[in-house]
Structures are given as structure tokens and as C-alpha cells.
Amino acid sequence: MRRQILPAILMVVVMTVLLGAVYPLVSTAVGQVAFHDKANGSLVQVDGRDVGSSLIGQNFTEPQYFHGRPSAAGDGYDGMSSSGSNLGPLNPELLDEVALRVAAYREQNGLSGDVAVPVDAVTASASGLDPHISLANAQLQTKRVAEARGLTEDQVRSKIDENTDRRTFGVLGDDGVNVVELNIALDRVS
């Protein structure tokens, strides 16, 4: 019996040290050296002060800011309540909510009733924290933001282009505009 217990205890101690201390320390060191920004939360700084993360949206509502996707995470972009709405595409509650959001989006951006509203402008992402919007969504908000900031639409479009994350490997996914980074870039201009 002793012959079986001692190796078992020794293996528990060795594996605890390897997997409980050595592996996490090595993983942390590799992350800090190779992916320092990402390992630390992709924080965005303004004037040396952390103002958010490029990975988590924020609830921008003022007219001079590009608005992100609606968020189903708590009171909006609450990382502690990350989730989608869990309402299916035929759920009457979701359909009513989307209809209200479409009307509000058109009103906010001065769009006529025949302008198609991008899906990402009126539906939450699966996490409720996504900081990206589609190029179509950003382009429809350009006029409102330019007027509110006293900029030309071309100046705003230039900032949209600078803050567009292109498709991965040129083929995966769609181009998306990071609203957090775009709004910070626009704050630096105006």
C-alpha cells in the first residue's frame, strides 16, 4: 500500500507545482512579452489616462459621437452582465424592440423612411459588449456626427477609414469600425 501511496502523493505535488505555478508563470511571461497590449486588456488611453478598452463598447448617446450597437448587457455594456437578449427572430418582443430602434435610428440620423437601416444598428451582439459596427452603419451616422462636431463629412469619413478593422486574412468576416477608437480619434480632431 505504501508503495502505491507515495508515488501518488509525489505526482500530486509535482503536477500541482507544474500546472499550478510553472505553467501559469510561463504563460503570463509569454503573453506579456509577445502580446503585451492584448494581455493587459487592450486599454485605450487619452492623455495618459485609461478611458476604456478597444475590446468593449461604450454607451455613446450624444450626437457628436458614433453610436455603437444596442447592448443587452445589463444597463448597457456592463461586462459583469455580458449576454445577448436571447430573444429569437420571431419573438414579438424583439420585433417590437427592433421597430422602435429603427424609428429612433432614422430620426437621430435624419434618414427618410425608405433608407435601409443596418441590422447591427438595431440588434445587440451575442455578448452585448461588441465595440464594432458595420461600415454601412458608420456611413449612415457620418452626417450627424460631422454636423455636431463642425467637421466636414470627408474629415469624418477619413477617421472612419483609419479606424476600420479589415477582414481577417482579407476573407474572414466583414470590415468593422471600432466605435470606441473612432470616437476618441474624433475627439482629438475637434
N, C-alpha and C. Protein backbone atom coordinates (compact mmCIF):
# COMPACT_ATOMS: atom_id res chain seq x y z
N MET A 1 0.83 -1.19 0.00
CA MET A 1 0.00 0.00 0.00
C MET A 1 0.87 1.26 0.00
N ARG A 2 1.92 1.24 0.83
CA ARG A 2 2.83 2.38 0.89
C ARG A 2 3.49 2.63 -0.46
N ARG A 3 3.77 1.53 -1.17
CA ARG A 3 4.40 1.61 -2.49
C ARG A 3 3.50 2.33 -3.49
N GLN A 4 2.21 2.33 -3.30
CA GLN A 4 1.27 2.99 -4.21
C GLN A 4 0.94 4.41 -3.76
N ILE A 5 0.90 4.66 -2.47
CA ILE A 5 0.52 5.98 -1.96
C ILE A 5 1.61 7.01 -2.18
N LEU A 6 2.87 6.68 -1.92
CA LEU A 6 3.97 7.64 -2.05
C LEU A 6 4.10 8.18 -3.48
N PRO A 7 4.10 7.31 -4.51
CA PRO A 7 4.16 7.86 -5.88
C PRO A 7 2.94 8.73 -6.22
N ALA A 8 1.78 8.36 -5.70
CA ALA A 8 0.57 9.15 -5.97
C ALA A 8 0.69 10.53 -5.34
N ILE A 9 1.14 10.58 -4.11
CA ILE A 9 1.33 11.88 -3.44
C ILE A 9 2.40 12.70 -4.16
N LEU A 10 3.49 12.04 -4.52
CA LEU A 10 4.56 12.74 -5.25
C LEU A 10 4.04 13.31 -6.57
N MET A 11 3.23 12.56 -7.29
CA MET A 11 2.67 13.05 -8.57
C MET A 11 1.74 14.23 -8.35
N VAL A 12 0.95 14.20 -7.29
CA VAL A 12 0.06 15.32 -6.98
C VAL A 12 0.89 16.57 -6.71
N VAL A 13 1.96 16.44 -5.95
CA VAL A 13 2.82 17.59 -5.63
C VAL A 13 3.51 18.11 -6.90
N VAL A 14 4.07 17.21 -7.69
CA VAL A 14 4.77 17.62 -8.92
C VAL A 14 3.80 18.29 -9.89
N MET A 15 2.64 17.69 -10.10
CA MET A 15 1.67 18.27 -11.04
C MET A 15 1.11 19.61 -10.52
N THR A 16 0.94 19.71 -9.21
CA THR A 16 0.47 20.97 -8.63
C THR A 16 1.49 22.08 -8.88
N VAL A 17 2.76 21.78 -8.68
CA VAL A 17 3.80 22.78 -8.92
C VAL A 17 3.88 23.12 -10.40
N LEU A 18 3.87 22.10 -11.26
CA LEU A 18 3.98 22.34 -12.71
C LEU A 18 2.77 23.10 -13.25
N LEU A 19 1.58 22.60 -12.95
CA LEU A 19 0.37 23.18 -13.54
C LEU A 19 -0.21 24.33 -12.73
N GLY A 20 0.13 24.39 -11.46
CA GLY A 20 -0.41 25.45 -10.62
C GLY A 20 0.51 26.65 -10.49
N ALA A 21 1.80 26.47 -10.81
CA ALA A 21 2.74 27.59 -10.68
C ALA A 21 3.57 27.81 -11.95
N VAL A 22 4.28 26.79 -12.39
CA VAL A 22 5.19 26.96 -13.53
C VAL A 22 4.44 27.33 -14.81
N TYR A 23 3.42 26.55 -15.17
CA TYR A 23 2.67 26.81 -16.41
C TYR A 23 2.03 28.21 -16.41
N PRO A 24 1.31 28.62 -15.35
CA PRO A 24 0.74 29.98 -15.35
C PRO A 24 1.80 31.08 -15.45
N LEU A 25 2.94 30.90 -14.78
CA LEU A 25 4.01 31.91 -14.85
C LEU A 25 4.60 32.00 -16.26
N VAL A 26 4.83 30.86 -16.88
CA VAL A 26 5.36 30.86 -18.25
C VAL A 26 4.34 31.46 -19.22
N SER A 27 3.07 31.09 -19.09
CA SER A 27 2.02 31.65 -19.95
C SER A 27 1.91 33.16 -19.79
N THR A 28 1.97 33.62 -18.55
CA THR A 28 1.91 35.06 -18.28
C THR A 28 3.11 35.78 -18.88
N ALA A 29 4.29 35.20 -18.73
CA ALA A 29 5.51 35.82 -19.27
C ALA A 29 5.44 35.90 -20.79
N VAL A 30 5.02 34.83 -21.44
CA VAL A 30 4.91 34.84 -22.91
C VAL A 30 3.89 35.88 -23.35
N GLY A 31 2.75 35.94 -22.67
CA GLY A 31 1.72 36.93 -23.01
C GLY A 31 2.22 38.35 -22.84
N GLN A 32 2.94 38.63 -21.77
CA GLN A 32 3.44 39.98 -21.53
C GLN A 32 4.50 40.38 -22.54
N VAL A 33 5.35 39.43 -22.95
CA VAL A 33 6.40 39.75 -23.91
C VAL A 33 5.87 39.81 -25.33
N ALA A 34 5.13 38.81 -25.74
CA ALA A 34 4.68 38.72 -27.14
C ALA A 34 3.41 39.50 -27.43
N PHE A 35 2.51 39.64 -26.46
CA PHE A 35 1.22 40.28 -26.69
C PHE A 35 0.88 41.25 -25.56
N HIS A 36 1.80 42.12 -25.22
CA HIS A 36 1.66 42.98 -24.05
C HIS A 36 0.33 43.74 -24.02
N ASP A 37 -0.03 44.41 -25.12
CA ASP A 37 -1.26 45.21 -25.15
C ASP A 37 -2.49 44.34 -24.95
N LYS A 38 -2.56 43.24 -25.67
CA LYS A 38 -3.73 42.36 -25.57
C LYS A 38 -3.81 41.69 -24.20
N ALA A 39 -2.67 41.28 -23.66
CA ALA A 39 -2.66 40.61 -22.36
C ALA A 39 -3.11 41.53 -21.23
N ASN A 40 -3.01 42.81 -21.45
CA ASN A 40 -3.40 43.78 -20.42
C ASN A 40 -4.76 44.42 -20.69
N GLY A 41 -5.57 43.80 -21.54
CA GLY A 41 -6.94 44.25 -21.74
C GLY A 41 -7.14 45.22 -22.89
N SER A 42 -6.15 45.42 -23.74
CA SER A 42 -6.27 46.34 -24.88
C SER A 42 -6.81 47.70 -24.44
N LEU A 43 -6.24 48.23 -23.37
CA LEU A 43 -6.71 49.50 -22.83
C LEU A 43 -6.43 50.65 -23.78
N VAL A 44 -7.35 51.59 -23.83
CA VAL A 44 -7.22 52.79 -24.65
C VAL A 44 -6.96 53.95 -23.70
N GLN A 45 -5.93 54.72 -24.01
CA GLN A 45 -5.57 55.84 -23.15
C GLN A 45 -5.75 57.17 -23.87
N VAL A 46 -6.16 58.17 -23.11
CA VAL A 46 -6.23 59.54 -23.58
C VAL A 46 -5.50 60.39 -22.55
N ASP A 47 -4.49 61.11 -23.00
CA ASP A 47 -3.68 61.94 -22.11
C ASP A 47 -3.13 61.13 -20.94
N GLY A 48 -2.66 59.90 -21.21
CA GLY A 48 -2.06 59.06 -20.19
C GLY A 48 -3.03 58.43 -19.21
N ARG A 49 -4.31 58.54 -19.48
CA ARG A 49 -5.35 58.03 -18.57
C ARG A 49 -6.16 56.97 -19.30
N ASP A 50 -6.42 55.83 -18.64
CA ASP A 50 -7.23 54.77 -19.24
C ASP A 50 -8.69 55.24 -19.33
N VAL A 51 -9.25 55.15 -20.55
CA VAL A 51 -10.64 55.57 -20.75
C VAL A 51 -11.53 54.43 -21.24
N GLY A 52 -10.96 53.27 -21.42
CA GLY A 52 -11.75 52.13 -21.88
C GLY A 52 -10.87 51.08 -22.50
N SER A 53 -11.51 50.15 -23.17
CA SER A 53 -10.82 49.07 -23.85
C SER A 53 -11.30 49.03 -25.29
N SER A 54 -10.39 48.72 -26.20
CA SER A 54 -10.80 48.63 -27.60
C SER A 54 -11.60 47.35 -27.86
N LEU A 55 -11.74 46.52 -26.84
CA LEU A 55 -12.49 45.26 -26.99
C LEU A 55 -13.89 45.32 -26.42
N ILE A 56 -14.22 46.41 -25.70
CA ILE A 56 -15.53 46.53 -25.06
C ILE A 56 -16.16 47.85 -25.45
N GLY A 57 -17.37 47.80 -25.99
CA GLY A 57 -18.07 49.01 -26.39
C GLY A 57 -18.44 49.89 -25.21
N GLN A 58 -18.85 51.10 -25.52
CA GLN A 58 -19.33 52.03 -24.51
C GLN A 58 -20.64 52.62 -25.00
N ASN A 59 -21.40 53.15 -24.07
CA ASN A 59 -22.73 53.66 -24.39
C ASN A 59 -22.65 55.14 -24.80
N PHE A 60 -22.31 55.39 -26.05
CA PHE A 60 -22.24 56.75 -26.57
C PHE A 60 -23.64 57.17 -27.03
N THR A 61 -24.17 58.27 -26.51
CA THR A 61 -25.52 58.69 -26.89
C THR A 61 -25.56 60.12 -27.42
N GLU A 62 -24.53 60.91 -27.18
CA GLU A 62 -24.53 62.30 -27.64
C GLU A 62 -24.41 62.34 -29.17
N PRO A 63 -24.97 63.38 -29.81
CA PRO A 63 -24.98 63.44 -31.28
C PRO A 63 -23.59 63.54 -31.91
N GLN A 64 -22.59 64.05 -31.19
CA GLN A 64 -21.26 64.20 -31.77
C GLN A 64 -20.47 62.88 -31.78
N TYR A 65 -21.06 61.84 -31.22
CA TYR A 65 -20.39 60.54 -31.17
C TYR A 65 -21.10 59.52 -32.05
N PHE A 66 -20.29 58.62 -32.63
CA PHE A 66 -20.87 57.48 -33.32
C PHE A 66 -21.47 56.57 -32.26
N HIS A 67 -22.64 56.06 -32.53
CA HIS A 67 -23.32 55.18 -31.59
C HIS A 67 -23.00 53.73 -31.95
N GLY A 68 -22.74 52.93 -30.93
CA GLY A 68 -22.46 51.51 -31.14
C GLY A 68 -23.73 50.71 -31.26
N ARG A 69 -23.56 49.43 -31.25
CA ARG A 69 -24.72 48.52 -31.28
C ARG A 69 -25.49 48.64 -29.99
N PRO A 70 -26.78 48.36 -30.03
CA PRO A 70 -27.52 48.27 -28.76
C PRO A 70 -26.89 47.16 -27.91
N SER A 71 -26.93 47.33 -26.61
CA SER A 71 -26.34 46.33 -25.72
C SER A 71 -27.41 45.70 -24.84
N ALA A 72 -27.36 44.38 -24.76
CA ALA A 72 -28.28 43.66 -23.88
C ALA A 72 -27.58 43.30 -22.57
N ALA A 73 -26.37 43.84 -22.35
CA ALA A 73 -25.58 43.51 -21.16
C ALA A 73 -25.90 44.49 -20.04
N GLY A 74 -26.76 44.08 -19.15
CA GLY A 74 -27.12 44.92 -18.01
C GLY A 74 -27.74 46.23 -18.46
N ASP A 75 -27.23 47.33 -17.92
CA ASP A 75 -27.71 48.66 -18.30
C ASP A 75 -26.98 49.18 -19.54
N GLY A 76 -26.25 48.33 -20.21
CA GLY A 76 -25.54 48.69 -21.42
C GLY A 76 -24.04 48.59 -21.24
N TYR A 77 -23.44 47.66 -21.96
CA TYR A 77 -22.00 47.44 -21.97
C TYR A 77 -21.46 47.16 -20.57
N ASP A 78 -22.22 46.42 -19.78
CA ASP A 78 -21.81 46.03 -18.44
C ASP A 78 -21.13 44.67 -18.54
N GLY A 79 -19.81 44.64 -18.38
CA GLY A 79 -19.05 43.41 -18.51
C GLY A 79 -19.45 42.33 -17.52
N MET A 80 -20.03 42.73 -16.40
CA MET A 80 -20.47 41.76 -15.40
C MET A 80 -21.80 41.10 -15.81
N SER A 81 -22.48 41.65 -16.80
CA SER A 81 -23.76 41.10 -17.25
C SER A 81 -23.73 40.77 -18.73
N SER A 82 -22.57 40.38 -19.23
CA SER A 82 -22.40 40.12 -20.65
C SER A 82 -23.34 39.02 -21.14
N SER A 83 -24.18 39.40 -22.10
CA SER A 83 -25.08 38.42 -22.72
C SER A 83 -25.85 39.08 -23.84
N GLY A 84 -26.42 38.26 -24.67
CA GLY A 84 -27.35 38.75 -25.68
C GLY A 84 -28.74 38.82 -25.08
N SER A 85 -29.71 39.17 -25.89
CA SER A 85 -31.07 39.29 -25.38
C SER A 85 -31.74 37.92 -25.25
N ASN A 86 -31.22 36.93 -25.99
CA ASN A 86 -31.79 35.58 -26.03
C ASN A 86 -33.21 35.55 -26.59
N LEU A 87 -33.60 36.59 -27.32
CA LEU A 87 -34.90 36.60 -27.98
C LEU A 87 -34.72 36.11 -29.41
N GLY A 88 -35.54 35.18 -29.84
CA GLY A 88 -35.44 34.62 -31.18
C GLY A 88 -35.97 35.59 -32.23
N PRO A 89 -35.66 35.33 -33.50
CA PRO A 89 -36.03 36.25 -34.58
C PRO A 89 -37.53 36.42 -34.80
N LEU A 90 -38.34 35.53 -34.28
CA LEU A 90 -39.79 35.65 -34.43
C LEU A 90 -40.48 36.10 -33.14
N ASN A 91 -39.70 36.37 -32.12
CA ASN A 91 -40.25 36.79 -30.84
C ASN A 91 -40.88 38.18 -30.98
N PRO A 92 -42.15 38.34 -30.65
CA PRO A 92 -42.82 39.64 -30.80
C PRO A 92 -42.13 40.76 -30.01
N GLU A 93 -41.58 40.43 -28.86
CA GLU A 93 -40.89 41.44 -28.05
C GLU A 93 -39.67 41.99 -28.80
N LEU A 94 -38.91 41.09 -29.44
CA LEU A 94 -37.74 41.52 -30.21
C LEU A 94 -38.18 42.33 -31.43
N LEU A 95 -39.21 41.87 -32.11
CA LEU A 95 -39.68 42.58 -33.30
C LEU A 95 -40.15 44.00 -32.95
N ASP A 96 -40.85 44.15 -31.83
CA ASP A 96 -41.29 45.48 -31.39
C ASP A 96 -40.10 46.35 -31.02
N GLU A 97 -39.13 45.75 -30.33
CA GLU A 97 -37.93 46.49 -29.92
C GLU A 97 -37.15 46.96 -31.15
N VAL A 98 -37.00 46.09 -32.13
CA VAL A 98 -36.27 46.45 -33.35
C VAL A 98 -37.00 47.55 -34.11
N ALA A 99 -38.32 47.47 -34.19
CA ALA A 99 -39.10 48.52 -34.88
C ALA A 99 -38.89 49.88 -34.21
N LEU A 100 -38.88 49.90 -32.88
CA LEU A 100 -38.64 51.16 -32.15
C LEU A 100 -37.22 51.67 -32.40
N ARG A 101 -36.26 50.75 -32.41
CA ARG A 101 -34.86 51.14 -32.65
C ARG A 101 -34.67 51.67 -34.07
N VAL A 102 -35.34 51.06 -35.05
CA VAL A 102 -35.24 51.53 -36.43
C VAL A 102 -35.76 52.96 -36.54
N ALA A 103 -36.92 53.21 -35.94
CA ALA A 103 -37.50 54.57 -35.98
C ALA A 103 -36.58 55.57 -35.29
N ALA A 104 -36.03 55.20 -34.14
CA ALA A 104 -35.13 56.10 -33.41
C ALA A 104 -33.85 56.36 -34.20
N TYR A 105 -33.30 55.32 -34.84
CA TYR A 105 -32.09 55.45 -35.63
C TYR A 105 -32.31 56.41 -36.81
N ARG A 106 -33.43 56.22 -37.49
CA ARG A 106 -33.75 57.10 -38.62
C ARG A 106 -33.89 58.55 -38.15
N GLU A 107 -34.56 58.76 -37.02
CA GLU A 107 -34.76 60.11 -36.51
C GLU A 107 -33.43 60.74 -36.09
N GLN A 108 -32.60 60.00 -35.37
CA GLN A 108 -31.32 60.52 -34.90
C GLN A 108 -30.41 60.93 -36.06
N ASN A 109 -30.47 60.18 -37.14
CA ASN A 109 -29.56 60.40 -38.25
C ASN A 109 -30.20 61.12 -39.43
N GLY A 110 -31.43 61.60 -39.27
CA GLY A 110 -32.09 62.36 -40.32
C GLY A 110 -32.32 61.56 -41.59
N LEU A 111 -32.71 60.30 -41.44
CA LEU A 111 -32.91 59.42 -42.59
C LEU A 111 -34.39 59.30 -42.93
N SER A 112 -34.68 59.19 -44.21
CA SER A 112 -36.07 59.01 -44.63
C SER A 112 -36.51 57.57 -44.36
N GLY A 113 -37.79 57.34 -44.44
CA GLY A 113 -38.36 56.03 -44.15
C GLY A 113 -37.97 54.94 -45.12
N ASP A 114 -37.45 55.30 -46.29
CA ASP A 114 -37.09 54.28 -47.27
C ASP A 114 -35.61 53.86 -47.20
N VAL A 115 -34.85 54.47 -46.29
CA VAL A 115 -33.43 54.11 -46.15
C VAL A 115 -33.33 52.85 -45.29
N ALA A 116 -32.63 51.85 -45.82
CA ALA A 116 -32.44 50.60 -45.08
C ALA A 116 -31.51 50.84 -43.90
N VAL A 117 -31.91 50.37 -42.75
CA VAL A 117 -31.11 50.51 -41.53
C VAL A 117 -30.32 49.21 -41.34
N PRO A 118 -29.00 49.32 -41.15
CA PRO A 118 -28.20 48.10 -40.96
C PRO A 118 -28.65 47.31 -39.73
N VAL A 119 -28.59 46.01 -39.84
CA VAL A 119 -29.03 45.13 -38.76
C VAL A 119 -28.26 45.42 -37.47
N ASP A 120 -26.97 45.69 -37.58
CA ASP A 120 -26.18 45.90 -36.36
C ASP A 120 -26.53 47.20 -35.64
N ALA A 121 -27.29 48.07 -36.29
CA ALA A 121 -27.71 49.32 -35.64
C ALA A 121 -28.90 49.11 -34.71
N VAL A 122 -29.58 47.99 -34.88
CA VAL A 122 -30.83 47.78 -34.12
C VAL A 122 -30.88 46.45 -33.36
N THR A 123 -29.81 45.66 -33.41
CA THR A 123 -29.77 44.40 -32.67
C THR A 123 -28.47 44.32 -31.88
N ALA A 124 -28.55 43.71 -30.71
CA ALA A 124 -27.38 43.55 -29.85
C ALA A 124 -26.52 42.39 -30.34
N SER A 125 -25.24 42.46 -30.03
CA SER A 125 -24.35 41.34 -30.34
C SER A 125 -24.58 40.23 -29.32
N ALA A 126 -23.99 39.08 -29.57
CA ALA A 126 -24.18 37.95 -28.66
C ALA A 126 -23.66 38.23 -27.26
N SER A 127 -22.58 38.99 -27.15
CA SER A 127 -22.03 39.30 -25.83
C SER A 127 -22.66 40.55 -25.24
N GLY A 128 -23.20 41.42 -26.09
CA GLY A 128 -23.71 42.70 -25.63
C GLY A 128 -22.60 43.71 -25.40
N LEU A 129 -21.35 43.35 -25.74
CA LEU A 129 -20.19 44.22 -25.46
C LEU A 129 -19.43 44.63 -26.71
N ASP A 130 -19.85 44.19 -27.87
CA ASP A 130 -19.11 44.41 -29.11
C ASP A 130 -18.89 45.89 -29.40
N PRO A 131 -17.63 46.32 -29.58
CA PRO A 131 -17.36 47.72 -29.86
C PRO A 131 -17.42 48.07 -31.35
N HIS A 132 -17.69 47.09 -32.20
CA HIS A 132 -17.66 47.30 -33.65
C HIS A 132 -19.05 47.49 -34.24
N ILE A 133 -19.09 48.34 -35.27
CA ILE A 133 -20.29 48.47 -36.10
C ILE A 133 -19.86 48.27 -37.55
N SER A 134 -20.83 48.03 -38.40
CA SER A 134 -20.53 47.83 -39.82
C SER A 134 -20.17 49.17 -40.48
N LEU A 135 -19.50 49.08 -41.61
CA LEU A 135 -19.19 50.30 -42.38
C LEU A 135 -20.47 51.02 -42.79
N ALA A 136 -21.49 50.26 -43.17
CA ALA A 136 -22.77 50.88 -43.56
C ALA A 136 -23.36 51.67 -42.41
N ASN A 137 -23.29 51.13 -41.22
CA ASN A 137 -23.81 51.80 -40.04
C ASN A 137 -23.02 53.09 -39.79
N ALA A 138 -21.71 53.02 -39.87
CA ALA A 138 -20.88 54.22 -39.67
C ALA A 138 -21.17 55.27 -40.73
N GLN A 139 -21.32 54.86 -41.98
CA GLN A 139 -21.57 55.82 -43.06
C GLN A 139 -22.90 56.54 -42.88
N LEU A 140 -23.92 55.84 -42.38
CA LEU A 140 -25.21 56.48 -42.17
C LEU A 140 -25.18 57.47 -41.00
N GLN A 141 -24.23 57.34 -40.09
CA GLN A 141 -24.11 58.26 -38.96
C GLN A 141 -23.17 59.44 -39.26
N THR A 142 -22.47 59.39 -40.38
CA THR A 142 -21.45 60.38 -40.70
C THR A 142 -21.98 61.81 -40.71
N LYS A 143 -23.09 62.05 -41.37
CA LYS A 143 -23.62 63.40 -41.49
C LYS A 143 -23.93 64.00 -40.12
N ARG A 144 -24.61 63.23 -39.26
CA ARG A 144 -24.97 63.71 -37.92
C ARG A 144 -23.72 64.07 -37.12
N VAL A 145 -22.73 63.20 -37.13
CA VAL A 145 -21.51 63.42 -36.35
C VAL A 145 -20.75 64.62 -36.90
N ALA A 146 -20.64 64.73 -38.22
CA ALA A 146 -19.92 65.86 -38.83
C ALA A 146 -20.58 67.18 -38.45
N GLU A 147 -21.90 67.24 -38.54
CA GLU A 147 -22.62 68.48 -38.19
C GLU A 147 -22.44 68.82 -36.72
N ALA A 148 -22.55 67.84 -35.85
CA ALA A 148 -22.43 68.08 -34.41
C ALA A 148 -21.03 68.52 -34.02
N ARG A 149 -20.02 68.10 -34.76
CA ARG A 149 -18.64 68.44 -34.44
C ARG A 149 -18.11 69.63 -35.23
N GLY A 150 -18.88 70.09 -36.21
CA GLY A 150 -18.40 71.19 -37.04
C GLY A 150 -17.29 70.76 -37.99
N LEU A 151 -17.31 69.50 -38.41
CA LEU A 151 -16.33 68.97 -39.34
C LEU A 151 -17.00 68.70 -40.68
N THR A 152 -16.20 68.51 -41.71
CA THR A 152 -16.76 68.10 -42.99
C THR A 152 -17.00 66.59 -42.96
N GLU A 153 -17.90 66.14 -43.81
CA GLU A 153 -18.16 64.71 -43.89
C GLU A 153 -16.91 63.95 -44.35
N ASP A 154 -16.11 64.59 -45.21
CA ASP A 154 -14.87 63.95 -45.67
C ASP A 154 -13.89 63.75 -44.52
N GLN A 155 -13.80 64.72 -43.60
CA GLN A 155 -12.93 64.56 -42.45
C GLN A 155 -13.38 63.38 -41.59
N VAL A 156 -14.68 63.26 -41.40
CA VAL A 156 -15.22 62.18 -40.59
C VAL A 156 -15.02 60.84 -41.29
N ARG A 157 -15.26 60.81 -42.60
CA ARG A 157 -15.05 59.56 -43.37
C ARG A 157 -13.58 59.12 -43.30
N SER A 158 -12.67 60.07 -43.30
CA SER A 158 -11.24 59.75 -43.19
C SER A 158 -10.96 59.05 -41.86
N LYS A 159 -11.56 59.53 -40.78
CA LYS A 159 -11.38 58.91 -39.46
C LYS A 159 -12.04 57.53 -39.41
N ILE A 160 -13.17 57.39 -40.10
CA ILE A 160 -13.81 56.08 -40.17
C ILE A 160 -12.85 55.09 -40.83
N ASP A 161 -12.26 55.51 -41.94
CA ASP A 161 -11.35 54.63 -42.67
C ASP A 161 -10.14 54.26 -41.81
N GLU A 162 -9.60 55.21 -41.05
CA GLU A 162 -8.45 54.95 -40.19
C GLU A 162 -8.78 53.97 -39.06
N ASN A 163 -10.04 53.91 -38.65
CA ASN A 163 -10.44 53.08 -37.52
C ASN A 163 -11.26 51.87 -37.94
N THR A 164 -11.11 51.48 -39.20
CA THR A 164 -11.80 50.29 -39.71
C THR A 164 -10.89 49.09 -39.58
N ASP A 165 -11.39 48.05 -38.94
CA ASP A 165 -10.66 46.79 -38.86
C ASP A 165 -11.07 45.97 -40.07
N ARG A 166 -10.09 45.67 -40.91
CA ARG A 166 -10.36 44.93 -42.15
C ARG A 166 -10.58 43.45 -41.88
N ARG A 167 -11.14 42.77 -42.86
CA ARG A 167 -11.40 41.33 -42.76
C ARG A 167 -10.11 40.59 -42.41
N THR A 168 -10.21 39.59 -41.58
CA THR A 168 -9.06 38.77 -41.22
C THR A 168 -8.60 37.99 -42.44
N PHE A 169 -7.32 38.11 -42.75
CA PHE A 169 -6.71 37.47 -43.92
C PHE A 169 -7.38 37.89 -45.22
N GLY A 170 -8.12 38.98 -45.19
CA GLY A 170 -8.78 39.50 -46.38
C GLY A 170 -10.04 38.76 -46.78
N VAL A 171 -10.41 37.69 -46.06
CA VAL A 171 -11.58 36.90 -46.45
C VAL A 171 -12.52 36.55 -45.30
N LEU A 172 -12.04 36.53 -44.07
CA LEU A 172 -12.87 36.10 -42.95
C LEU A 172 -13.61 37.26 -42.32
N GLY A 173 -14.92 37.13 -42.16
CA GLY A 173 -15.72 38.16 -41.53
C GLY A 173 -15.95 39.35 -42.43
N ASP A 174 -16.36 40.44 -41.82
CA ASP A 174 -16.62 41.69 -42.55
C ASP A 174 -15.78 42.80 -41.95
N ASP A 175 -15.56 43.84 -42.73
CA ASP A 175 -14.90 45.03 -42.19
C ASP A 175 -15.78 45.60 -41.10
N GLY A 176 -15.17 46.10 -40.04
CA GLY A 176 -15.93 46.70 -38.95
C GLY A 176 -15.23 47.93 -38.42
N VAL A 177 -16.00 48.85 -37.89
CA VAL A 177 -15.44 50.10 -37.36
C VAL A 177 -15.51 50.03 -35.84
N ASN A 178 -14.36 50.24 -35.19
CA ASN A 178 -14.31 50.23 -33.74
C ASN A 178 -14.79 51.59 -33.24
N VAL A 179 -15.99 51.63 -32.66
CA VAL A 179 -16.63 52.88 -32.25
C VAL A 179 -15.84 53.59 -31.15
N VAL A 180 -15.30 52.84 -30.21
CA VAL A 180 -14.53 53.45 -29.11
C VAL A 180 -13.33 54.19 -29.67
N GLU A 181 -12.55 53.52 -30.50
CA GLU A 181 -11.35 54.15 -31.07
C GLU A 181 -11.71 55.29 -32.02
N LEU A 182 -12.78 55.12 -32.79
CA LEU A 182 -13.21 56.17 -33.71
C LEU A 182 -13.61 57.44 -32.96
N ASN A 183 -14.41 57.29 -31.91
CA ASN A 183 -14.84 58.47 -31.15
C ASN A 183 -13.66 59.17 -30.47
N ILE A 184 -12.71 58.40 -29.99
CA ILE A 184 -11.51 59.02 -29.38
C ILE A 184 -10.70 59.75 -30.44
N ALA A 185 -10.56 59.16 -31.62
CA ALA A 185 -9.84 59.82 -32.70
C ALA A 185 -10.53 61.12 -33.11
N LEU A 186 -11.85 61.12 -33.15
CA LEU A 186 -12.59 62.34 -33.49
C LEU A 186 -12.47 63.40 -32.39
N ASP A 187 -12.41 62.98 -31.13
CA ASP A 187 -12.20 63.94 -30.03
C ASP A 187 -10.86 64.64 -30.17
N ARG A 188 -9.87 63.95 -30.71
CA ARG A 188 -8.53 64.54 -30.88
C ARG A 188 -8.54 65.58 -32.01
N VAL A 189 -9.45 65.44 -32.97
CA VAL A 189 -9.52 66.36 -34.11
C VAL A 189 -10.27 67.63 -33.74
N SER A 190 -11.42 67.48 -33.07
CA SER A 190 -12.26 68.64 -32.81
C SER A 190 -12.09 69.20 -31.43
